[in-house]
């Protein structure tokens, strides 16, 4: 599990959560797969173990990760949960894009056109 922290205004535990979710919905981490222990993940990404523990705890509350006593922490094995998370993430990204675009005066029609152009150019 490769996570790179961006030292920006977002809380580190939120970045960890987002990156773990992204890896899961992309299929980089499989359903039911064991994730790195808190301490190991903290050392790997260079943060305090409490930060990773906070991220894992929140991901458990959201149903993305599951702790199994004495065995470790695992990605949920619920495919629907992961599919729902994929939709939720893309809607969050769309909301951010919409907000940023409207702040620089781009209309909804222009946003859609730009997205279509970008997606088509990425597929080539």
PDB file of N, CA and C in Angstrom:
ATOM      1  N   UNK A   1       0.858  -1.168   0.000  1.00  0.00           N
ATOM      2  CA  UNK A   1       0.000   0.000   0.000  1.00  0.00           C
ATOM      3  C   UNK A   1       0.902   1.228   0.000  1.00  0.00           C
ATOM      4  N   UNK A   2       0.883   1.967  -1.072  1.00  0.00           N
ATOM      5  CA  UNK A   2       1.757   3.134  -1.221  1.00  0.00           C
ATOM      6  C   UNK A   2       0.952   4.417  -1.042  1.00  0.00           C
ATOM      7  N   UNK A   3       1.259   5.168  -0.002  1.00  0.00           N
ATOM      8  CA  UNK A   3       0.567   6.421   0.276  1.00  0.00           C
ATOM      9  C   UNK A   3       1.587   7.537   0.350  1.00  0.00           C
ATOM     10  N   UNK A   4       1.325   8.599  -0.390  1.00  0.00           N
ATOM     11  CA  UNK A   4       2.193   9.772  -0.357  1.00  0.00           C
ATOM     12  C   UNK A   4       1.392  10.926   0.233  1.00  0.00           C
ATOM     13  N   UNK A   5       1.923  11.498   1.301  1.00  0.00           N
ATOM     14  CA  UNK A   5       1.241  12.611   1.968  1.00  0.00           C
ATOM     15  C   UNK A   5       1.643  13.922   1.302  1.00  0.00           C
ATOM     16  N   UNK A   6       0.663  14.761   1.078  1.00  0.00           N
ATOM     17  CA  UNK A   6       0.907  16.099   0.549  1.00  0.00           C
ATOM     18  C   UNK A   6       0.835  17.056   1.726  1.00  0.00           C
ATOM     19  N   UNK A   7       1.867  17.806   1.915  1.00  0.00           N
ATOM     20  CA  UNK A   7       1.916  18.699   3.076  1.00  0.00           C
ATOM     21  C   UNK A   7       1.198  19.999   2.731  1.00  0.00           C
ATOM     22  N   UNK A   8      -0.142  19.912   2.717  1.00  0.00           N
ATOM     23  CA  UNK A   8      -0.976  21.066   2.414  1.00  0.00           C
ATOM     24  C   UNK A   8      -1.896  21.342   3.587  1.00  0.00           C
ATOM     25  N   UNK A   9      -2.971  22.056   3.341  1.00  0.00           N
ATOM     26  CA  UNK A   9      -3.858  22.473   4.427  1.00  0.00           C
ATOM     27  C   UNK A   9      -4.760  21.355   4.955  1.00  0.00           C
ATOM     28  N   UNK A  10      -4.888  20.258   4.219  1.00  0.00           N
ATOM     29  CA  UNK A  10      -5.765  19.163   4.657  1.00  0.00           C
ATOM     30  C   UNK A  10      -5.117  18.356   5.777  1.00  0.00           C
ATOM     31  N   UNK A  11      -5.928  17.946   6.717  1.00  0.00           N
ATOM     32  CA  UNK A  11      -5.430  17.118   7.823  1.00  0.00           C
ATOM     33  C   UNK A  11      -4.846  15.822   7.258  1.00  0.00           C
ATOM     34  N   UNK A  12      -3.761  15.375   7.850  1.00  0.00           N
ATOM     35  CA  UNK A  12      -3.068  14.191   7.351  1.00  0.00           C
ATOM     36  C   UNK A  12      -3.949  12.952   7.424  1.00  0.00           C
ATOM     37  N   UNK A  13      -4.699  12.798   8.523  1.00  0.00           N
ATOM     38  CA  UNK A  13      -5.521  11.592   8.629  1.00  0.00           C
ATOM     39  C   UNK A  13      -6.591  11.563   7.541  1.00  0.00           C
ATOM     40  N   UNK A  14      -7.085  12.742   7.128  1.00  0.00           N
ATOM     41  CA  UNK A  14      -8.068  12.793   6.038  1.00  0.00           C
ATOM     42  C   UNK A  14      -7.426  12.398   4.711  1.00  0.00           C
ATOM     43  N   UNK A  15      -6.183  12.825   4.507  1.00  0.00           N
ATOM     44  CA  UNK A  15      -5.465  12.435   3.295  1.00  0.00           C
ATOM     45  C   UNK A  15      -5.260  10.925   3.256  1.00  0.00           C
ATOM     46  N   UNK A  16      -4.893  10.350   4.395  1.00  0.00           N
ATOM     47  CA  UNK A  16      -4.702   8.900   4.465  1.00  0.00           C
ATOM     48  C   UNK A  16      -6.014   8.196   4.127  1.00  0.00           C
ATOM     49  N   UNK A  17      -7.095   8.664   4.712  1.00  0.00           N
ATOM     50  CA  UNK A  17      -8.403   8.070   4.442  1.00  0.00           C
ATOM     51  C   UNK A  17      -8.731   8.127   2.954  1.00  0.00           C
ATOM     52  N   UNK A  18      -8.551   9.288   2.356  1.00  0.00           N
ATOM     53  CA  UNK A  18      -8.882   9.453   0.942  1.00  0.00           C
ATOM     54  C   UNK A  18      -8.027   8.550   0.065  1.00  0.00           C
ATOM     55  N   UNK A  19      -6.747   8.473   0.370  1.00  0.00           N
ATOM     56  CA  UNK A  19      -5.854   7.658  -0.454  1.00  0.00           C
ATOM     57  C   UNK A  19      -6.142   6.167  -0.300  1.00  0.00           C
ATOM     58  N   UNK A  20      -6.459   5.728   0.906  1.00  0.00           N
ATOM     59  CA  UNK A  20      -6.825   4.328   1.115  1.00  0.00           C
ATOM     60  C   UNK A  20      -8.113   4.020   0.335  1.00  0.00           C
ATOM     61  N   UNK A  21      -9.099   4.907   0.435  1.00  0.00           N
ATOM     62  CA  UNK A  21     -10.353   4.707  -0.300  1.00  0.00           C
ATOM     63  C   UNK A  21     -10.092   4.621  -1.798  1.00  0.00           C
ATOM     64  N   UNK A  22      -9.255   5.529  -2.306  1.00  0.00           N
ATOM     65  CA  UNK A  22      -8.944   5.540  -3.731  1.00  0.00           C
ATOM     66  C   UNK A  22      -8.325   4.217  -4.175  1.00  0.00           C
ATOM     67  N   UNK A  23      -7.377   3.722  -3.380  1.00  0.00           N
ATOM     68  CA  UNK A  23      -6.724   2.466  -3.729  1.00  0.00           C
ATOM     69  C   UNK A  23      -7.719   1.305  -3.727  1.00  0.00           C
ATOM     70  N   UNK A  24      -8.662   1.345  -2.813  1.00  0.00           N
ATOM     71  CA  UNK A  24      -9.661   0.281  -2.730  1.00  0.00           C
ATOM     72  C   UNK A  24     -10.614   0.346  -3.922  1.00  0.00           C
ATOM     73  N   UNK A  25     -11.154   1.518  -4.223  1.00  0.00           N
ATOM     74  CA  UNK A  25     -12.130   1.617  -5.318  1.00  0.00           C
ATOM     75  C   UNK A  25     -11.486   1.387  -6.682  1.00  0.00           C
ATOM     76  N   UNK A  26     -10.181   1.676  -6.808  1.00  0.00           N
ATOM     77  CA  UNK A  26      -9.469   1.399  -8.059  1.00  0.00           C
ATOM     78  C   UNK A  26      -9.137  -0.080  -8.202  1.00  0.00           C
ATOM     79  N   UNK A  27      -9.182  -0.809  -7.094  1.00  0.00           N
ATOM     80  CA  UNK A  27      -8.835  -2.223  -7.143  1.00  0.00           C
ATOM     81  C   UNK A  27      -7.370  -2.498  -6.853  1.00  0.00           C
ATOM     82  N   UNK A  28      -6.616  -1.468  -6.456  1.00  0.00           N
ATOM     83  CA  UNK A  28      -5.214  -1.669  -6.091  1.00  0.00           C
ATOM     84  C   UNK A  28      -5.106  -2.508  -4.823  1.00  0.00           C
ATOM     85  N   UNK A  29      -6.109  -2.415  -3.971  1.00  0.00           N
ATOM     86  CA  UNK A  29      -6.215  -3.215  -2.757  1.00  0.00           C
ATOM     87  C   UNK A  29      -7.522  -3.976  -2.885  1.00  0.00           C
ATOM     88  N   UNK A  30      -7.459  -5.281  -2.740  1.00  0.00           N
ATOM     89  CA  UNK A  30      -8.606  -6.142  -2.993  1.00  0.00           C
ATOM     90  C   UNK A  30      -9.560  -6.217  -1.798  1.00  0.00           C
ATOM     91  N   UNK A  31     -10.811  -6.565  -2.080  1.00  0.00           N
ATOM     92  CA  UNK A  31     -11.790  -6.801  -1.028  1.00  0.00           C
ATOM     93  C   UNK A  31     -11.263  -7.899  -0.107  1.00  0.00           C
ATOM     94  N   UNK A  32     -11.365  -7.681   1.197  1.00  0.00           N
ATOM     95  CA  UNK A  32     -10.928  -8.665   2.166  1.00  0.00           C
ATOM     96  C   UNK A  32      -9.430  -8.713   2.416  1.00  0.00           C
ATOM     97  N   UNK A  33      -8.670  -7.888   1.702  1.00  0.00           N
ATOM     98  CA  UNK A  33      -7.215  -7.891   1.857  1.00  0.00           C
ATOM     99  C   UNK A  33      -6.790  -7.216   3.161  1.00  0.00           C
ATOM    100  N   UNK A  34      -5.764  -7.752   3.775  1.00  0.00           N
ATOM    101  CA  UNK A  34      -5.232  -7.179   5.006  1.00  0.00           C
ATOM    102  C   UNK A  34      -4.448  -5.912   4.664  1.00  0.00           C
ATOM    103  N   UNK A  35      -4.648  -4.855   5.458  1.00  0.00           N
ATOM    104  CA  UNK A  35      -3.889  -3.618   5.277  1.00  0.00           C
ATOM    105  C   UNK A  35      -2.732  -3.599   6.275  1.00  0.00           C
ATOM    106  N   UNK A  36      -1.778  -2.732   6.018  1.00  0.00           N
ATOM    107  CA  UNK A  36      -0.627  -2.635   6.908  1.00  0.00           C
ATOM    108  C   UNK A  36      -1.062  -2.291   8.330  1.00  0.00           C
ATOM    109  N   UNK A  37      -0.389  -2.847   9.322  1.00  0.00           N
ATOM    110  CA  UNK A  37      -0.676  -2.447  10.699  1.00  0.00           C
ATOM    111  C   UNK A  37      -0.394  -0.954  10.889  1.00  0.00           C
ATOM    112  N   UNK A  38      -1.031  -0.354  11.871  1.00  0.00           N
ATOM    113  CA  UNK A  38      -0.922   1.083  12.117  1.00  0.00           C
ATOM    114  C   UNK A  38       0.536   1.527  12.208  1.00  0.00           C
ATOM    115  N   UNK A  39       1.313   0.881  13.051  1.00  0.00           N
ATOM    116  CA  UNK A  39       2.706   1.307  13.250  1.00  0.00           C
ATOM    117  C   UNK A  39       3.523   1.201  11.974  1.00  0.00           C
ATOM    118  N   UNK A  40       3.330   0.120  11.246  1.00  0.00           N
ATOM    119  CA  UNK A  40       4.073  -0.078  10.003  1.00  0.00           C
ATOM    120  C   UNK A  40       3.699   0.985   8.965  1.00  0.00           C
ATOM    121  N   UNK A  41       2.409   1.271   8.859  1.00  0.00           N
ATOM    122  CA  UNK A  41       1.950   2.307   7.923  1.00  0.00           C
ATOM    123  C   UNK A  41       2.521   3.662   8.329  1.00  0.00           C
ATOM    124  N   UNK A  42       2.519   3.959   9.627  1.00  0.00           N
ATOM    125  CA  UNK A  42       3.034   5.246  10.112  1.00  0.00           C
ATOM    126  C   UNK A  42       4.501   5.412   9.759  1.00  0.00           C
ATOM    127  N   UNK A  43       5.294   4.376   9.956  1.00  0.00           N
ATOM    128  CA  UNK A  43       6.723   4.437   9.616  1.00  0.00           C
ATOM    129  C   UNK A  43       6.888   4.614   8.114  1.00  0.00           C
ATOM    130  N   UNK A  44       6.120   3.870   7.342  1.00  0.00           N
ATOM    131  CA  UNK A  44       6.229   3.911   5.880  1.00  0.00           C
ATOM    132  C   UNK A  44       5.952   5.300   5.306  1.00  0.00           C
ATOM    133  N   UNK A  45       4.948   5.988   5.875  1.00  0.00           N
ATOM    134  CA  UNK A  45       4.613   7.302   5.318  1.00  0.00           C
ATOM    135  C   UNK A  45       5.170   8.459   6.138  1.00  0.00           C
ATOM    136  N   UNK A  46       5.807   8.146   7.264  1.00  0.00           N
ATOM    137  CA  UNK A  46       6.489   9.177   8.043  1.00  0.00           C
ATOM    138  C   UNK A  46       5.581  10.063   8.872  1.00  0.00           C
ATOM    139  N   UNK A  47       4.584   9.451   9.498  1.00  0.00           N
ATOM    140  CA  UNK A  47       3.678  10.214  10.355  1.00  0.00           C
ATOM    141  C   UNK A  47       3.541   9.521  11.705  1.00  0.00           C
ATOM    142  N   UNK A  48       2.921  10.193  12.644  1.00  0.00           N
ATOM    143  CA  UNK A  48       2.679   9.647  13.968  1.00  0.00           C
ATOM    144  C   UNK A  48       1.686   8.484  13.876  1.00  0.00           C
ATOM    145  N   UNK A  49       1.925   7.390  14.596  1.00  0.00           N
ATOM    146  CA  UNK A  49       0.981   6.266  14.571  1.00  0.00           C
ATOM    147  C   UNK A  49      -0.447   6.649  14.956  1.00  0.00           C
ATOM    148  N   UNK A  50      -0.605   7.640  15.835  1.00  0.00           N
ATOM    149  CA  UNK A  50      -1.959   8.079  16.205  1.00  0.00           C
ATOM    150  C   UNK A  50      -2.718   8.628  15.005  1.00  0.00           C
ATOM    151  N   UNK A  51      -2.004   9.257  14.089  1.00  0.00           N
ATOM    152  CA  UNK A  51      -2.629   9.805  12.883  1.00  0.00           C
ATOM    153  C   UNK A  51      -3.190   8.680  12.029  1.00  0.00           C
ATOM    154  N   UNK A  52      -2.391   7.634  11.850  1.00  0.00           N
ATOM    155  CA  UNK A  52      -2.843   6.480  11.075  1.00  0.00           C
ATOM    156  C   UNK A  52      -3.996   5.785  11.807  1.00  0.00           C
ATOM    157  N   UNK A  53      -3.874   5.658  13.127  1.00  0.00           N
ATOM    158  CA  UNK A  53      -4.937   5.026  13.922  1.00  0.00           C
ATOM    159  C   UNK A  53      -6.254   5.789  13.765  1.00  0.00           C
ATOM    160  N   UNK A  54      -6.179   7.115  13.763  1.00  0.00           N
ATOM    161  CA  UNK A  54      -7.388   7.933  13.561  1.00  0.00           C
ATOM    162  C   UNK A  54      -8.005   7.659  12.197  1.00  0.00           C
ATOM    163  N   UNK A  55      -7.172   7.590  11.168  1.00  0.00           N
ATOM    164  CA  UNK A  55      -7.668   7.327   9.811  1.00  0.00           C
ATOM    165  C   UNK A  55      -8.327   5.944   9.748  1.00  0.00           C
ATOM    166  N   UNK A  56      -7.655   4.940  10.282  1.00  0.00           N
ATOM    167  CA  UNK A  56      -8.203   3.586  10.272  1.00  0.00           C
ATOM    168  C   UNK A  56      -9.528   3.522  11.048  1.00  0.00           C
ATOM    169  N   UNK A  57      -9.582   4.196  12.197  1.00  0.00           N
ATOM    170  CA  UNK A  57     -10.807   4.201  13.003  1.00  0.00           C
ATOM    171  C   UNK A  57     -11.972   4.798  12.216  1.00  0.00           C
ATOM    172  N   UNK A  58     -11.714   5.914  11.547  1.00  0.00           N
ATOM    173  CA  UNK A  58     -12.770   6.547  10.742  1.00  0.00           C
ATOM    174  C   UNK A  58     -13.179   5.652   9.571  1.00  0.00           C
ATOM    175  N   UNK A  59     -12.206   5.005   8.938  1.00  0.00           N
ATOM    176  CA  UNK A  59     -12.518   4.105   7.833  1.00  0.00           C
ATOM    177  C   UNK A  59     -13.334   2.904   8.318  1.00  0.00           C
ATOM    178  N   UNK A  60     -13.087   2.472   9.546  1.00  0.00           N
ATOM    179  CA  UNK A  60     -13.902   1.405  10.129  1.00  0.00           C
ATOM    180  C   UNK A  60     -15.326   1.897  10.360  1.00  0.00           C
ATOM    181  N   UNK A  61     -15.463   3.102  10.891  1.00  0.00           N
ATOM    182  CA  UNK A  61     -16.806   3.670  11.120  1.00  0.00           C
ATOM    183  C   UNK A  61     -17.596   3.764   9.824  1.00  0.00           C
ATOM    184  N   UNK A  62     -16.877   4.051   8.744  1.00  0.00           N
ATOM    185  CA  UNK A  62     -17.526   4.179   7.436  1.00  0.00           C
ATOM    186  C   UNK A  62     -17.780   2.826   6.780  1.00  0.00           C
ATOM    187  N   UNK A  63     -17.253   1.755   7.377  1.00  0.00           N
ATOM    188  CA  UNK A  63     -17.468   0.422   6.820  1.00  0.00           C
ATOM    189  C   UNK A  63     -16.497   0.042   5.723  1.00  0.00           C
ATOM    190  N   UNK A  64     -15.441   0.814   5.539  1.00  0.00           N
ATOM    191  CA  UNK A  64     -14.453   0.536   4.496  1.00  0.00           C
ATOM    192  C   UNK A  64     -13.433  -0.485   4.993  1.00  0.00           C
ATOM    193  N   UNK A  65     -13.011  -0.343   6.242  1.00  0.00           N
ATOM    194  CA  UNK A  65     -12.086  -1.283   6.863  1.00  0.00           C
ATOM    195  C   UNK A  65     -12.805  -2.030   7.978  1.00  0.00           C
ATOM    196  N   UNK A  66     -12.302  -3.225   8.271  1.00  0.00           N
ATOM    197  CA  UNK A  66     -12.865  -4.058   9.324  1.00  0.00           C
ATOM    198  C   UNK A  66     -11.713  -4.604  10.161  1.00  0.00           C
ATOM    199  N   UNK A  67     -11.781  -4.412  11.479  1.00  0.00           N
ATOM    200  CA  UNK A  67     -10.774  -4.978  12.378  1.00  0.00           C
ATOM    201  C   UNK A  67     -11.229  -6.348  12.833  1.00  0.00           C
ATOM    202  N   UNK A  68     -10.289  -7.286  12.812  1.00  0.00           N
ATOM    203  CA  UNK A  68     -10.548  -8.629  13.312  1.00  0.00           C
ATOM    204  C   UNK A  68      -9.572  -8.872  14.445  1.00  0.00           C
ATOM    205  N   UNK A  69     -10.101  -8.973  15.627  1.00  0.00           N
ATOM    206  CA  UNK A  69      -9.282  -9.091  16.830  1.00  0.00           C
ATOM    207  C   UNK A  69      -8.227 -10.199  16.682  1.00  0.00           C
ATOM    208  N   UNK A  70      -6.989  -9.806  16.947  1.00  0.00           N
ATOM    209  CA  UNK A  70      -5.884 -10.748  16.883  1.00  0.00           C
ATOM    210  C   UNK A  70      -5.404 -11.065  15.483  1.00  0.00           C
ATOM    211  N   UNK A  71      -6.077 -10.528  14.474  1.00  0.00           N
ATOM    212  CA  UNK A  71      -5.703 -10.830  13.088  1.00  0.00           C
ATOM    213  C   UNK A  71      -5.245  -9.593  12.322  1.00  0.00           C
ATOM    214  N   UNK A  72      -5.792  -8.430  12.668  1.00  0.00           N
ATOM    215  CA  UNK A  72      -5.413  -7.210  11.983  1.00  0.00           C
ATOM    216  C   UNK A  72      -6.602  -6.471  11.406  1.00  0.00           C
ATOM    217  N   UNK A  73      -6.299  -5.585  10.481  1.00  0.00           N
ATOM    218  CA  UNK A  73      -7.320  -4.750   9.841  1.00  0.00           C
ATOM    219  C   UNK A  73      -7.390  -5.113   8.363  1.00  0.00           C
ATOM    220  N   UNK A  74      -8.611  -5.235   7.873  1.00  0.00           N
ATOM    221  CA  UNK A  74      -8.849  -5.703   6.513  1.00  0.00           C
ATOM    222  C   UNK A  74      -9.795  -4.768   5.774  1.00  0.00           C
ATOM    223  N   UNK A  75      -9.677  -4.786   4.447  1.00  0.00           N
ATOM    224  CA  UNK A  75     -10.639  -4.084   3.598  1.00  0.00           C
ATOM    225  C   UNK A  75     -11.947  -4.856   3.690  1.00  0.00           C
ATOM    226  N   UNK A  76     -13.048  -4.149   3.704  1.00  0.00           N
ATOM    227  CA  UNK A  76     -14.347  -4.815   3.718  1.00  0.00           C
ATOM    228  C   UNK A  76     -14.440  -5.796   2.553  1.00  0.00           C
ATOM    229  N   UNK A  77     -15.245  -6.826   2.724  1.00  0.00           N
ATOM    230  CA  UNK A  77     -15.465  -7.758   1.619  1.00  0.00           C
ATOM    231  C   UNK A  77     -16.815  -7.505   0.940  1.00  0.00           C
ATOM    232  N   UNK A  78     -17.429  -6.378   1.283  1.00  0.00           N
ATOM    233  CA  UNK A  78     -18.728  -6.015   0.720  1.00  0.00           C
ATOM    234  C   UNK A  78     -18.542  -5.194  -0.558  1.00  0.00           C
ATOM    235  N   UNK A  79     -18.779  -5.834  -1.688  1.00  0.00           N
ATOM    236  CA  UNK A  79     -18.603  -5.177  -2.990  1.00  0.00           C
ATOM    237  C   UNK A  79     -19.495  -3.941  -3.132  1.00  0.00           C
ATOM    238  N   UNK A  80     -20.736  -4.039  -2.674  1.00  0.00           N
ATOM    239  CA  UNK A  80     -21.654  -2.897  -2.777  1.00  0.00           C
ATOM    240  C   UNK A  80     -21.127  -1.700  -1.994  1.00  0.00           C
ATOM    241  N   UNK A  81     -20.542  -1.949  -0.837  1.00  0.00           N
ATOM    242  CA  UNK A  81     -19.977  -0.862  -0.021  1.00  0.00           C
ATOM    243  C   UNK A  81     -18.887  -0.129  -0.780  1.00  0.00           C
ATOM    244  N   UNK A  82     -18.051  -0.881  -1.485  1.00  0.00           N
ATOM    245  CA  UNK A  82     -16.968  -0.280  -2.261  1.00  0.00           C
ATOM    246  C   UNK A  82     -17.522   0.477  -3.469  1.00  0.00           C
ATOM    247  N   UNK A  83     -18.525  -0.082  -4.117  1.00  0.00           N
ATOM    248  CA  UNK A  83     -19.158   0.606  -5.249  1.00  0.00           C
ATOM    249  C   UNK A  83     -19.799   1.918  -4.796  1.00  0.00           C
ATOM    250  N   UNK A  84     -20.463   1.888  -3.640  1.00  0.00           N
ATOM    251  CA  UNK A  84     -21.057   3.110  -3.087  1.00  0.00           C
ATOM    252  C   UNK A  84     -19.977   4.141  -2.786  1.00  0.00           C
ATOM    253  N   UNK A  85     -18.850   3.688  -2.267  1.00  0.00           N
ATOM    254  CA  UNK A  85     -17.745   4.593  -1.948  1.00  0.00           C
ATOM    255  C   UNK A  85     -17.165   5.214  -3.215  1.00  0.00           C
ATOM    256  N   UNK A  86     -17.089   4.439  -4.291  1.00  0.00           N
ATOM    257  CA  UNK A  86     -16.596   4.954  -5.576  1.00  0.00           C
ATOM    258  C   UNK A  86     -17.481   6.116  -6.037  1.00  0.00           C
ATOM    259  N   UNK A  87     -18.783   5.923  -5.970  1.00  0.00           N
ATOM    260  CA  UNK A  87     -19.723   6.977  -6.372  1.00  0.00           C
ATOM    261  C   UNK A  87     -19.584   8.207  -5.472  1.00  0.00           C
ATOM    262  N   UNK A  88     -19.456   7.961  -4.181  1.00  0.00           N
ATOM    263  CA  UNK A  88     -19.310   9.059  -3.216  1.00  0.00           C
ATOM    264  C   UNK A  88     -18.049   9.873  -3.499  1.00  0.00           C
ATOM    265  N   UNK A  89     -16.945   9.178  -3.771  1.00  0.00           N
ATOM    266  CA  UNK A  89     -15.686   9.878  -4.056  1.00  0.00           C
ATOM    267  C   UNK A  89     -15.796  10.733  -5.315  1.00  0.00           C
ATOM    268  N   UNK A  90     -16.365  10.166  -6.373  1.00  0.00           N
ATOM    269  CA  UNK A  90     -16.438  10.917  -7.631  1.00  0.00           C
ATOM    270  C   UNK A  90     -17.355  12.126  -7.476  1.00  0.00           C
ATOM    271  N   UNK A  91     -18.395  12.005  -6.657  1.00  0.00           N
ATOM    272  CA  UNK A  91     -19.259  13.158  -6.410  1.00  0.00           C
ATOM    273  C   UNK A  91     -18.524  14.236  -5.609  1.00  0.00           C
ATOM    274  N   UNK A  92     -17.669  13.832  -4.672  1.00  0.00           N
ATOM    275  CA  UNK A  92     -16.869  14.803  -3.929  1.00  0.00           C
ATOM    276  C   UNK A  92     -15.910  15.530  -4.870  1.00  0.00           C
ATOM    277  N   UNK A  93     -15.274  14.769  -5.779  1.00  0.00           N
ATOM    278  CA  UNK A  93     -14.354  15.394  -6.733  1.00  0.00           C
ATOM    279  C   UNK A  93     -15.096  16.354  -7.653  1.00  0.00           C
ATOM    280  N   UNK A  94     -16.297  15.946  -8.084  1.00  0.00           N
ATOM    281  CA  UNK A  94     -17.101  16.802  -8.954  1.00  0.00           C
ATOM    282  C   UNK A  94     -17.501  18.079  -8.226  1.00  0.00           C
ATOM    283  N   UNK A  95     -17.840  17.957  -6.948  1.00  0.00           N
ATOM    284  CA  UNK A  95     -18.218  19.128  -6.165  1.00  0.00           C
ATOM    285  C   UNK A  95     -17.038  20.097  -6.047  1.00  0.00           C
ATOM    286  N   UNK A  96     -15.859  19.558  -5.768  1.00  0.00           N
ATOM    287  CA  UNK A  96     -14.654  20.404  -5.682  1.00  0.00           C
ATOM    288  C   UNK A  96     -14.387  21.104  -7.016  1.00  0.00           C
ATOM    289  N   UNK A  97     -14.478  20.314  -8.103  1.00  0.00           N
ATOM    290  CA  UNK A  97     -14.243  20.869  -9.433  1.00  0.00           C
ATOM    291  C   UNK A  97     -15.261  21.968  -9.741  1.00  0.00           C
ATOM    292  N   UNK A  98     -16.523  21.693  -9.440  1.00  0.00           N
ATOM    293  CA  UNK A  98     -17.566  22.682  -9.698  1.00  0.00           C
ATOM    294  C   UNK A  98     -17.343  23.965  -8.922  1.00  0.00           C
ATOM    295  N   UNK A  99     -16.968  23.840  -7.675  1.00  0.00           N
ATOM    296  CA  UNK A  99     -16.719  25.020  -6.842  1.00  0.00           C
ATOM    297  C   UNK A  99     -15.545  25.831  -7.385  1.00  0.00           C
ATOM    298  N   UNK A 100     -14.442  25.135  -7.674  1.00  0.00           N
ATOM    299  CA  UNK A 100     -13.255  25.833  -8.193  1.00  0.00           C
ATOM    300  C   UNK A 100     -13.543  26.487  -9.542  1.00  0.00           C
ATOM    301  N   UNK A 101     -14.237  25.767 -10.405  1.00  0.00           N
ATOM    302  CA  UNK A 101     -14.534  26.297 -11.736  1.00  0.00           C
ATOM    303  C   UNK A 101     -15.458  27.511 -11.656  1.00  0.00           C
ATOM    304  N   UNK A 102     -16.459  27.441 -10.805  1.00  0.00           N
ATOM    305  CA  UNK A 102     -17.384  28.579 -10.704  1.00  0.00           C
ATOM    306  C   UNK A 102     -16.687  29.804 -10.102  1.00  0.00           C
ATOM    307  N   UNK A 103     -15.695  29.564  -9.239  1.00  0.00           N
ATOM    308  CA  UNK A 103     -14.960  30.686  -8.655  1.00  0.00           C
ATOM    309  C   UNK A 103     -14.119  31.435  -9.676  1.00  0.00           C
ATOM    310  N   UNK A 104     -13.783  30.767 -10.777  1.00  0.00           N
ATOM    311  CA  UNK A 104     -13.041  31.459 -11.838  1.00  0.00           C
ATOM    312  C   UNK A 104     -13.940  31.792 -13.029  1.00  0.00           C
ATOM    313  N   UNK A 105     -15.256  31.660 -12.820  1.00  0.00           N
ATOM    314  CA  UNK A 105     -16.218  32.125 -13.810  1.00  0.00           C
ATOM    315  C   UNK A 105     -16.542  31.167 -14.933  1.00  0.00           C
ATOM    316  N   UNK A 106     -16.345  29.872 -14.724  1.00  0.00           N
ATOM    317  CA  UNK A 106     -16.667  28.900 -15.765  1.00  0.00           C
ATOM    318  C   UNK A 106     -18.085  28.389 -15.537  1.00  0.00           C
ATOM    319  N   UNK A 107     -18.880  28.394 -16.602  1.00  0.00           N
ATOM    320  CA  UNK A 107     -20.264  27.936 -16.502  1.00  0.00           C
ATOM    321  C   UNK A 107     -20.325  26.412 -16.447  1.00  0.00           C
ATOM    322  N   UNK A 108     -21.489  25.896 -16.085  1.00  0.00           N
ATOM    323  CA  UNK A 108     -21.688  24.446 -16.020  1.00  0.00           C
ATOM    324  C   UNK A 108     -21.465  23.826 -17.396  1.00  0.00           C
ATOM    325  N   UNK A 109     -21.985  24.470 -18.445  1.00  0.00           N
ATOM    326  CA  UNK A 109     -21.798  23.943 -19.803  1.00  0.00           C
ATOM    327  C   UNK A 109     -20.318  23.874 -20.163  1.00  0.00           C
ATOM    328  N   UNK A 110     -19.556  24.904 -19.787  1.00  0.00           N
ATOM    329  CA  UNK A 110     -18.114  24.897 -20.059  1.00  0.00           C
ATOM    330  C   UNK A 110     -17.412  23.795 -19.266  1.00  0.00           C
ATOM    331  N   UNK A 111     -17.849  23.587 -18.011  1.00  0.00           N
ATOM    332  CA  UNK A 111     -17.258  22.523 -17.190  1.00  0.00           C
ATOM    333  C   UNK A 111     -17.467  21.163 -17.850  1.00  0.00           C
ATOM    334  N   UNK A 112     -18.688  20.923 -18.314  1.00  0.00           N
ATOM    335  CA  UNK A 112     -19.006  19.645 -18.959  1.00  0.00           C
ATOM    336  C   UNK A 112     -18.167  19.466 -20.215  1.00  0.00           C
ATOM    337  N   UNK A 113     -18.056  20.520 -20.994  1.00  0.00           N
ATOM    338  CA  UNK A 113     -17.256  20.463 -22.226  1.00  0.00           C
ATOM    339  C   UNK A 113     -15.791  20.144 -21.897  1.00  0.00           C
ATOM    340  N   UNK A 114     -15.244  20.808 -20.885  1.00  0.00           N
ATOM    341  CA  UNK A 114     -13.850  20.571 -20.490  1.00  0.00           C
ATOM    342  C   UNK A 114     -13.644  19.134 -20.007  1.00  0.00           C
ATOM    343  N   UNK A 115     -14.579  18.640 -19.217  1.00  0.00           N
ATOM    344  CA  UNK A 115     -14.480  17.262 -18.738  1.00  0.00           C
ATOM    345  C   UNK A 115     -14.520  16.266 -19.889  1.00  0.00           C
ATOM    346  N   UNK A 116     -15.445  16.470 -20.811  1.00  0.00           N
ATOM    347  CA  UNK A 116     -15.540  15.576 -21.962  1.00  0.00           C
ATOM    348  C   UNK A 116     -14.254  15.604 -22.773  1.00  0.00           C
ATOM    349  N   UNK A 117     -13.720  16.796 -23.015  1.00  0.00           N
ATOM    350  CA  UNK A 117     -12.465  16.908 -23.763  1.00  0.00           C
ATOM    351  C   UNK A 117     -11.323  16.194 -23.048  1.00  0.00           C
ATOM    352  N   UNK A 118     -11.246  16.348 -21.763  1.00  0.00           N
ATOM    353  CA  UNK A 118     -10.178  15.744 -20.978  1.00  0.00           C
ATOM    354  C   UNK A 118     -10.292  14.223 -20.984  1.00  0.00           C
ATOM    355  N   UNK A 119     -11.499  13.710 -20.792  1.00  0.00           N
ATOM    356  CA  UNK A 119     -11.691  12.269 -20.778  1.00  0.00           C
ATOM    357  C   UNK A 119     -11.363  11.671 -22.133  1.00  0.00           C
ATOM    358  N   UNK A 120     -11.797  12.298 -23.205  1.00  0.00           N
ATOM    359  CA  UNK A 120     -11.512  11.800 -24.556  1.00  0.00           C
ATOM    360  C   UNK A 120     -10.013  11.828 -24.825  1.00  0.00           C
ATOM    361  N   UNK A 121      -9.327  12.921 -24.453  1.00  0.00           N
ATOM    362  CA  UNK A 121      -7.894  13.013 -24.709  1.00  0.00           C
ATOM    363  C   UNK A 121      -7.103  12.011 -23.870  1.00  0.00           C
ATOM    364  N   UNK A 122      -7.593  11.652 -22.689  1.00  0.00           N
ATOM    365  CA  UNK A 122      -6.921  10.681 -21.824  1.00  0.00           C
ATOM    366  C   UNK A 122      -7.037   9.268 -22.387  1.00  0.00           C
ATOM    367  N   UNK A 123      -8.136   8.983 -23.109  1.00  0.00           N
ATOM    368  CA  UNK A 123      -8.357   7.653 -23.650  1.00  0.00           C
ATOM    369  C   UNK A 123      -7.484   7.361 -24.868  1.00  0.00           C
ATOM    370  N   UNK A 124      -6.973   8.405 -25.503  1.00  0.00           N
ATOM    371  CA  UNK A 124      -6.166   8.221 -26.727  1.00  0.00           C
ATOM    372  C   UNK A 124      -4.762   7.821 -26.420  1.00  0.00           C
TER     373      UNK A 124
END
